[in-house]
Structures are given as C-alpha cells and as structure tokens.
Amino acid sequence: MPAAEVEDRDWQRLDKWLWCARFMKARSDCASLVGEGAVRINRQPTEKAHARLRVGDILTVAIRDDVRVLRVLSLATRRGPAPEARSLYEEIA
C-alpha cells in the first residue's frame, strides 16, 4: 500500500491537516507556524511539521493573540470549503 494511502487513513501530517482545516492560507505558513513552536499535540510541544496527527488528538494552536484548543474529529481528504473544514475539529472551551 502506498505511504500516502496509509497516511490519509491512519494519521496525517500536522501541517497538511492545519492547512485543510483552514488555519492558514498556505501550507507553508502552517509549517512555519508549527516550526515556531505555536502548536502542541496532546500538551506536547512540537516544532515538526511532519508530526503525526490522529483522530482524537488535542491541539493547542497559538495564532496571533489567540489560543485555540481543538479536538481532532477526522482527518482531511482535501482542502474544501469552510463548513467542511470546520467539521474536522471541535473547539474545547
């Protein structure tokens, strides 16, 4: 089975998921955000854009002056419209 098929079924690159979930306009911007240390997966800091993200993971994302905590509900199959992107996660208060 090709690696891309396994990736999209069991896990997904963090930068790709953030881009599909529409946190930034460009995937390279998502990779930079992660590289700056602005994202945590399950409370663990990561600076690796290729970090593996799975359904059920909790993300803490600091963008500008805002910190958002999210639960990953599903992996992305594509970068679709905003309503589809919002279905990938739920906000945790």
Protein backbone atom coordinates (compact mmCIF):
# COMPACT_ATOMS: atom_id res chain seq x y z
CA MET A 1 0.00 0.00 0.00
CA PRO A 2 1.44 3.44 -0.91
CA ALA A 3 2.56 5.59 2.03
CA ALA A 4 0.10 8.36 1.07
CA GLU A 5 -2.87 5.99 1.46
CA VAL A 6 -1.68 4.85 4.89
CA GLU A 7 -1.08 8.47 5.92
CA ASP A 8 -4.54 9.66 4.96
CA ARG A 9 -6.27 6.72 6.66
CA ASP A 10 -4.42 6.27 9.97
CA TRP A 11 -2.67 9.61 10.51
CA GLN A 12 -1.92 12.86 8.74
CA ARG A 13 0.93 15.35 8.72
CA LEU A 14 0.24 18.19 11.12
CA ASP A 15 0.93 20.94 8.56
CA LYS A 16 -1.32 19.30 5.97
CA TRP A 17 -4.20 18.93 8.46
CA LEU A 18 -3.88 22.56 9.62
CA TRP A 19 -3.95 23.72 6.00
CA CYS A 20 -7.01 21.58 5.17
CA ALA A 21 -8.72 22.86 8.34
CA ARG A 22 -8.06 26.39 7.03
CA PHE A 23 -5.95 27.74 9.87
CA MET A 24 -3.65 29.47 7.36
CA LYS A 25 -3.94 30.27 3.66
CA ALA A 26 -0.81 28.39 2.58
CA ARG A 27 0.54 25.03 3.69
CA SER A 28 3.99 26.59 4.02
CA ASP A 29 2.50 29.08 6.52
CA CYS A 30 1.15 26.13 8.53
CA ALA A 31 4.60 24.53 8.51
CA SER A 32 6.12 27.83 9.70
CA LEU A 33 3.53 28.10 12.49
CA VAL A 34 4.50 24.64 13.72
CA GLY A 35 8.21 25.41 13.32
CA GLU A 36 7.81 28.47 15.54
CA GLY A 37 6.54 26.23 18.35
CA ALA A 38 2.97 27.61 18.23
CA VAL A 39 1.33 24.16 18.19
CA ARG A 40 1.08 21.42 20.82
CA ILE A 41 -0.28 17.92 20.27
CA ASN A 42 -1.75 16.37 23.42
CA ARG A 43 0.06 19.02 25.53
CA GLN A 44 3.43 18.10 23.99
CA PRO A 45 5.23 20.92 22.16
CA THR A 46 6.24 20.11 18.61
CA GLU A 47 8.25 22.00 16.04
CA LYS A 48 7.94 19.29 13.40
CA ALA A 49 5.54 20.00 10.54
CA HIS A 50 5.59 16.27 9.74
CA ALA A 51 4.34 15.30 13.22
CA ARG A 52 1.69 12.59 13.01
CA LEU A 53 -1.82 13.73 13.85
CA ARG A 54 -4.55 11.19 14.64
CA VAL A 55 -8.28 11.37 15.29
CA GLY A 56 -8.88 12.20 18.96
CA ASP A 57 -5.69 14.23 19.40
CA ILE A 58 -5.98 17.54 21.23
CA LEU A 59 -4.29 20.50 19.55
CA THR A 60 -3.36 23.77 21.20
CA VAL A 61 -2.75 26.37 18.50
CA ALA A 62 -1.49 29.90 19.16
CA ILE A 63 -2.27 32.19 16.24
CA ARG A 64 -1.57 35.91 16.67
CA ASP A 65 -3.06 36.89 20.07
CA ASP A 66 -5.47 33.94 20.19
CA VAL A 67 -5.00 30.43 21.63
CA ARG A 68 -7.40 27.75 20.45
CA VAL A 69 -7.79 24.25 21.87
CA LEU A 70 -9.25 21.70 19.47
CA ARG A 71 -10.13 18.01 19.36
CA VAL A 72 -9.41 16.37 16.00
CA LEU A 73 -12.64 14.71 14.82
CA SER A 74 -11.42 13.46 11.46
CA LEU A 75 -8.52 13.57 9.05
CA ALA A 76 -8.81 15.66 5.92
CA THR A 77 -9.23 14.15 2.48
CA ARG A 78 -8.90 17.55 0.77
CA ARG A 79 -8.92 21.30 1.44
CA GLY A 80 -12.58 22.01 0.97
CA PRO A 81 -14.88 24.92 1.79
CA ALA A 82 -15.00 26.43 5.30
CA PRO A 83 -18.00 24.37 6.54
CA GLU A 84 -16.19 21.16 5.56
CA ALA A 85 -13.00 22.39 7.26
CA ARG A 86 -14.90 23.13 10.50
CA SER A 87 -16.18 19.55 10.55
CA LEU A 88 -12.60 18.30 11.04
CA TYR A 89 -12.44 19.55 14.64
CA GLU A 90 -14.37 20.79 17.63
CA GLU A 91 -13.39 23.70 19.87
CA ILE A 92 -12.76 22.91 23.53
CA ALA A 93 -13.61 25.77 25.88
